[in-house]
Amino acid sequence: QGVLLVYDITNYQSFENLEDWYTVVKKVSEESETQPLVALVGNKRKQHGLL
């Protein structure tokens, strides 16, 4: 099991929201025998030039 927590490096609020998402991950996996691997990813998406 694994979880990617992705935030927008140009939007601090998206980084702050990760705490809420991490809480959800912990809550959902409380009863699991193994905890998921969690990776934090900072992303910057360009608005122009999308396919």
PDB file of N, CA and C in Angstrom:
ATOM      1  N   GLN A   1       0.831  -1.183   0.000  1.00  0.00           N
ATOM      2  CA  GLN A   1       0.000   0.000   0.000  1.00  0.00           C
ATOM      3  C   GLN A   1       0.866   1.233   0.000  1.00  0.00           C
ATOM      4  N   GLY A   2       0.396   2.257  -0.656  1.00  0.00           N
ATOM      5  CA  GLY A   2       1.127   3.509  -0.670  1.00  0.00           C
ATOM      6  C   GLY A   2       0.201   4.681  -0.931  1.00  0.00           C
ATOM      7  N   VAL A   3       0.619   5.825  -0.460  1.00  0.00           N
ATOM      8  CA  VAL A   3      -0.152   7.055  -0.638  1.00  0.00           C
ATOM      9  C   VAL A   3       0.800   8.152  -1.090  1.00  0.00           C
ATOM     10  N   LEU A   4       0.424   8.865  -2.140  1.00  0.00           N
ATOM     11  CA  LEU A   4       1.157  10.051  -2.562  1.00  0.00           C
ATOM     12  C   LEU A   4       0.380  11.269  -2.093  1.00  0.00           C
ATOM     13  N   LEU A   5       1.007  12.085  -1.284  1.00  0.00           N
ATOM     14  CA  LEU A   5       0.422  13.359  -0.887  1.00  0.00           C
ATOM     15  C   LEU A   5       1.089  14.421  -1.752  1.00  0.00           C
ATOM     16  N   VAL A   6       0.323  15.002  -2.651  1.00  0.00           N
ATOM     17  CA  VAL A   6       0.863  15.936  -3.637  1.00  0.00           C
ATOM     18  C   VAL A   6       0.332  17.331  -3.350  1.00  0.00           C
ATOM     19  N   TYR A   7       1.243  18.302  -3.384  1.00  0.00           N
ATOM     20  CA  TYR A   7       0.834  19.691  -3.195  1.00  0.00           C
ATOM     21  C   TYR A   7       1.441  20.563  -4.281  1.00  0.00           C
ATOM     22  N   ASP A   8       0.832  21.709  -4.495  1.00  0.00           N
ATOM     23  CA  ASP A   8       1.285  22.682  -5.487  1.00  0.00           C
ATOM     24  C   ASP A   8       2.317  23.588  -4.826  1.00  0.00           C
ATOM     25  N   ILE A   9       3.542  23.584  -5.327  1.00  0.00           N
ATOM     26  CA  ILE A   9       4.596  24.380  -4.686  1.00  0.00           C
ATOM     27  C   ILE A   9       4.370  25.881  -4.829  1.00  0.00           C
ATOM     28  N   THR A  10       3.445  26.270  -5.695  1.00  0.00           N
ATOM     29  CA  THR A  10       3.140  27.694  -5.848  1.00  0.00           C
ATOM     30  C   THR A  10       1.936  28.114  -5.014  1.00  0.00           C
ATOM     31  N   ASN A  11       1.381  27.174  -4.233  1.00  0.00           N
ATOM     32  CA  ASN A  11       0.183  27.451  -3.444  1.00  0.00           C
ATOM     33  C   ASN A  11       0.389  26.919  -2.024  1.00  0.00           C
ATOM     34  N   TYR A  12       0.724  27.819  -1.105  1.00  0.00           N
ATOM     35  CA  TYR A  12       1.018  27.402   0.265  1.00  0.00           C
ATOM     36  C   TYR A  12      -0.182  26.721   0.922  1.00  0.00           C
ATOM     37  N   GLN A  13      -1.384  27.157   0.583  1.00  0.00           N
ATOM     38  CA  GLN A  13      -2.577  26.546   1.178  1.00  0.00           C
ATOM     39  C   GLN A  13      -2.655  25.056   0.846  1.00  0.00           C
ATOM     40  N   SER A  14      -2.244  24.689  -0.355  1.00  0.00           N
ATOM     41  CA  SER A  14      -2.270  23.269  -0.714  1.00  0.00           C
ATOM     42  C   SER A  14      -1.304  22.474   0.162  1.00  0.00           C
ATOM     43  N   PHE A  15      -0.183  23.091   0.545  1.00  0.00           N
ATOM     44  CA  PHE A  15       0.760  22.444   1.460  1.00  0.00           C
ATOM     45  C   PHE A  15       0.147  22.304   2.850  1.00  0.00           C
ATOM     46  N   GLU A  16      -0.504  23.366   3.321  1.00  0.00           N
ATOM     47  CA  GLU A  16      -1.140  23.304   4.640  1.00  0.00           C
ATOM     48  C   GLU A  16      -2.244  22.254   4.685  1.00  0.00           C
ATOM     49  N   ASN A  17      -2.936  22.040   3.587  1.00  0.00           N
ATOM     50  CA  ASN A  17      -4.016  21.049   3.531  1.00  0.00           C
ATOM     51  C   ASN A  17      -3.509  19.617   3.688  1.00  0.00           C
ATOM     52  N   LEU A  18      -2.214  19.404   3.497  1.00  0.00           N
ATOM     53  CA  LEU A  18      -1.659  18.055   3.616  1.00  0.00           C
ATOM     54  C   LEU A  18      -1.867  17.467   5.005  1.00  0.00           C
ATOM     55  N   GLU A  19      -1.870  18.314   6.015  1.00  0.00           N
ATOM     56  CA  GLU A  19      -2.091  17.817   7.375  1.00  0.00           C
ATOM     57  C   GLU A  19      -3.456  17.136   7.480  1.00  0.00           C
ATOM     58  N   ASP A  20      -4.469  17.746   6.869  1.00  0.00           N
ATOM     59  CA  ASP A  20      -5.808  17.141   6.879  1.00  0.00           C
ATOM     60  C   ASP A  20      -5.814  15.815   6.124  1.00  0.00           C
ATOM     61  N   TRP A  21      -5.173  15.793   4.969  1.00  0.00           N
ATOM     62  CA  TRP A  21      -5.124  14.562   4.181  1.00  0.00           C
ATOM     63  C   TRP A  21      -4.364  13.461   4.913  1.00  0.00           C
ATOM     64  N   TYR A  22      -3.277  13.820   5.582  1.00  0.00           N
ATOM     65  CA  TYR A  22      -2.507  12.825   6.329  1.00  0.00           C
ATOM     66  C   TYR A  22      -3.336  12.259   7.484  1.00  0.00           C
ATOM     67  N   THR A  23      -4.133  13.096   8.112  1.00  0.00           N
ATOM     68  CA  THR A  23      -5.034  12.645   9.173  1.00  0.00           C
ATOM     69  C   THR A  23      -6.025  11.627   8.621  1.00  0.00           C
ATOM     70  N   VAL A  24      -6.550  11.878   7.433  1.00  0.00           N
ATOM     71  CA  VAL A  24      -7.475  10.935   6.796  1.00  0.00           C
ATOM     72  C   VAL A  24      -6.774   9.606   6.528  1.00  0.00           C
ATOM     73  N   VAL A  25      -5.563   9.659   6.014  1.00  0.00           N
ATOM     74  CA  VAL A  25      -4.803   8.435   5.730  1.00  0.00           C
ATOM     75  C   VAL A  25      -4.604   7.635   7.011  1.00  0.00           C
ATOM     76  N   LYS A  26      -4.200   8.297   8.088  1.00  0.00           N
ATOM     77  CA  LYS A  26      -3.984   7.596   9.362  1.00  0.00           C
ATOM     78  C   LYS A  26      -5.282   6.990   9.870  1.00  0.00           C
ATOM     79  N   LYS A  27      -6.380   7.731   9.778  1.00  0.00           N
ATOM     80  CA  LYS A  27      -7.674   7.255  10.276  1.00  0.00           C
ATOM     81  C   LYS A  27      -8.131   6.020   9.499  1.00  0.00           C
ATOM     82  N   VAL A  28      -8.018   6.070   8.186  1.00  0.00           N
ATOM     83  CA  VAL A  28      -8.463   4.959   7.342  1.00  0.00           C
ATOM     84  C   VAL A  28      -7.615   3.712   7.575  1.00  0.00           C
ATOM     85  N   SER A  29      -6.343   3.890   7.873  1.00  0.00           N
ATOM     86  CA  SER A  29      -5.447   2.740   8.009  1.00  0.00           C
ATOM     87  C   SER A  29      -5.245   2.289   9.453  1.00  0.00           C
ATOM     88  N   GLU A  30      -6.006   2.856  10.394  1.00  0.00           N
ATOM     89  CA  GLU A  30      -5.846   2.504  11.818  1.00  0.00           C
ATOM     90  C   GLU A  30      -5.968   1.010  12.081  1.00  0.00           C
ATOM     91  N   GLU A  31      -6.937   0.374  11.444  1.00  0.00           N
ATOM     92  CA  GLU A  31      -7.209  -1.031  11.740  1.00  0.00           C
ATOM     93  C   GLU A  31      -6.423  -1.992  10.854  1.00  0.00           C
ATOM     94  N   SER A  32      -5.615  -1.454   9.972  1.00  0.00           N
ATOM     95  CA  SER A  32      -4.809  -2.287   9.085  1.00  0.00           C
ATOM     96  C   SER A  32      -3.599  -2.821   9.844  1.00  0.00           C
ATOM     97  N   GLU A  33      -3.179  -4.028   9.472  1.00  0.00           N
ATOM     98  CA  GLU A  33      -1.999  -4.609  10.110  1.00  0.00           C
ATOM     99  C   GLU A  33      -0.734  -3.848   9.745  1.00  0.00           C
ATOM    100  N   THR A  34      -0.697  -3.340   8.528  1.00  0.00           N
ATOM    101  CA  THR A  34       0.468  -2.587   8.080  1.00  0.00           C
ATOM    102  C   THR A  34       0.040  -1.182   7.675  1.00  0.00           C
ATOM    103  N   GLN A  35       0.883  -0.239   7.960  1.00  0.00           N
ATOM    104  CA  GLN A  35       0.618   1.145   7.586  1.00  0.00           C
ATOM    105  C   GLN A  35       1.127   1.381   6.168  1.00  0.00           C
ATOM    106  N   PRO A  36       0.429   2.219   5.409  1.00  0.00           N
ATOM    107  CA  PRO A  36       0.888   2.480   4.043  1.00  0.00           C
ATOM    108  C   PRO A  36       2.153   3.328   4.041  1.00  0.00           C
ATOM    109  N   LEU A  37       2.942   3.164   3.000  1.00  0.00           N
ATOM    110  CA  LEU A  37       4.064   4.067   2.785  1.00  0.00           C
ATOM    111  C   LEU A  37       3.481   5.392   2.311  1.00  0.00           C
ATOM    112  N   VAL A  38       3.993   6.484   2.835  1.00  0.00           N
ATOM    113  CA  VAL A  38       3.491   7.803   2.464  1.00  0.00           C
ATOM    114  C   VAL A  38       4.639   8.606   1.871  1.00  0.00           C
ATOM    115  N   ALA A  39       4.406   9.157   0.692  1.00  0.00           N
ATOM    116  CA  ALA A  39       5.408   9.996   0.037  1.00  0.00           C
ATOM    117  C   ALA A  39       4.820  11.385  -0.172  1.00  0.00           C
ATOM    118  N   LEU A  40       5.631  12.380   0.091  1.00  0.00           N
ATOM    119  CA  LEU A  40       5.238  13.772  -0.100  1.00  0.00           C
ATOM    120  C   LEU A  40       5.868  14.273  -1.394  1.00  0.00           C
ATOM    121  N   VAL A  41       5.038  14.842  -2.272  1.00  0.00           N
ATOM    122  CA  VAL A  41       5.508  15.300  -3.576  1.00  0.00           C
ATOM    123  C   VAL A  41       5.082  16.743  -3.791  1.00  0.00           C
ATOM    124  N   GLY A  42       6.064  17.600  -4.065  1.00  0.00           N
ATOM    125  CA  GLY A  42       5.769  18.976  -4.445  1.00  0.00           C
ATOM    126  C   GLY A  42       5.744  19.060  -5.957  1.00  0.00           C
ATOM    127  N   ASN A  43       4.698  19.656  -6.506  1.00  0.00           N
ATOM    128  CA  ASN A  43       4.518  19.708  -7.948  1.00  0.00           C
ATOM    129  C   ASN A  43       4.246  21.138  -8.400  1.00  0.00           C
ATOM    130  N   LYS A  44       4.731  21.456  -9.583  1.00  0.00           N
ATOM    131  CA  LYS A  44       4.421  22.748 -10.200  1.00  0.00           C
ATOM    132  C   LYS A  44       3.928  22.452 -11.605  1.00  0.00           C
ATOM    133  N   ARG A  45       2.695  22.808 -11.858  1.00  0.00           N
ATOM    134  CA  ARG A  45       2.090  22.532 -13.157  1.00  0.00           C
ATOM    135  C   ARG A  45       2.010  23.818 -13.962  1.00  0.00           C
ATOM    136  N   LYS A  46       2.450  23.748 -15.184  1.00  0.00           N
ATOM    137  CA  LYS A  46       2.328  24.895 -16.077  1.00  0.00           C
ATOM    138  C   LYS A  46       0.899  24.958 -16.608  1.00  0.00           C
ATOM    139  N   GLN A  47       0.336  26.141 -16.644  1.00  0.00           N
ATOM    140  CA  GLN A  47      -1.028  26.319 -17.142  1.00  0.00           C
ATOM    141  C   GLN A  47      -1.081  26.291 -18.670  1.00  0.00           C
ATOM    142  N   HIS A  48      -0.076  26.820 -19.316  1.00  0.00           N
ATOM    143  CA  HIS A  48      -0.089  26.885 -20.773  1.00  0.00           C
ATOM    144  C   HIS A  48       0.648  25.691 -21.367  1.00  0.00           C
ATOM    145  N   GLY A  49       0.353  25.412 -22.598  1.00  0.00           N
ATOM    146  CA  GLY A  49       1.050  24.343 -23.292  1.00  0.00           C
ATOM    147  C   GLY A  49       0.578  22.953 -22.937  1.00  0.00           C
ATOM    148  N   LEU A  50      -0.617  22.839 -22.368  1.00  0.00           N
ATOM    149  CA  LEU A  50      -1.133  21.512 -22.048  1.00  0.00           C
ATOM    150  C   LEU A  50      -1.558  20.817 -23.330  1.00  0.00           C
ATOM    151  N   LEU A  51      -1.422  19.512 -23.353  1.00  0.00           N
ATOM    152  CA  LEU A  51      -1.786  18.754 -24.558  1.00  0.00           C
ATOM    153  C   LEU A  51      -3.264  18.762 -24.789  1.00  0.00           C
TER     154      LEU A  51
END
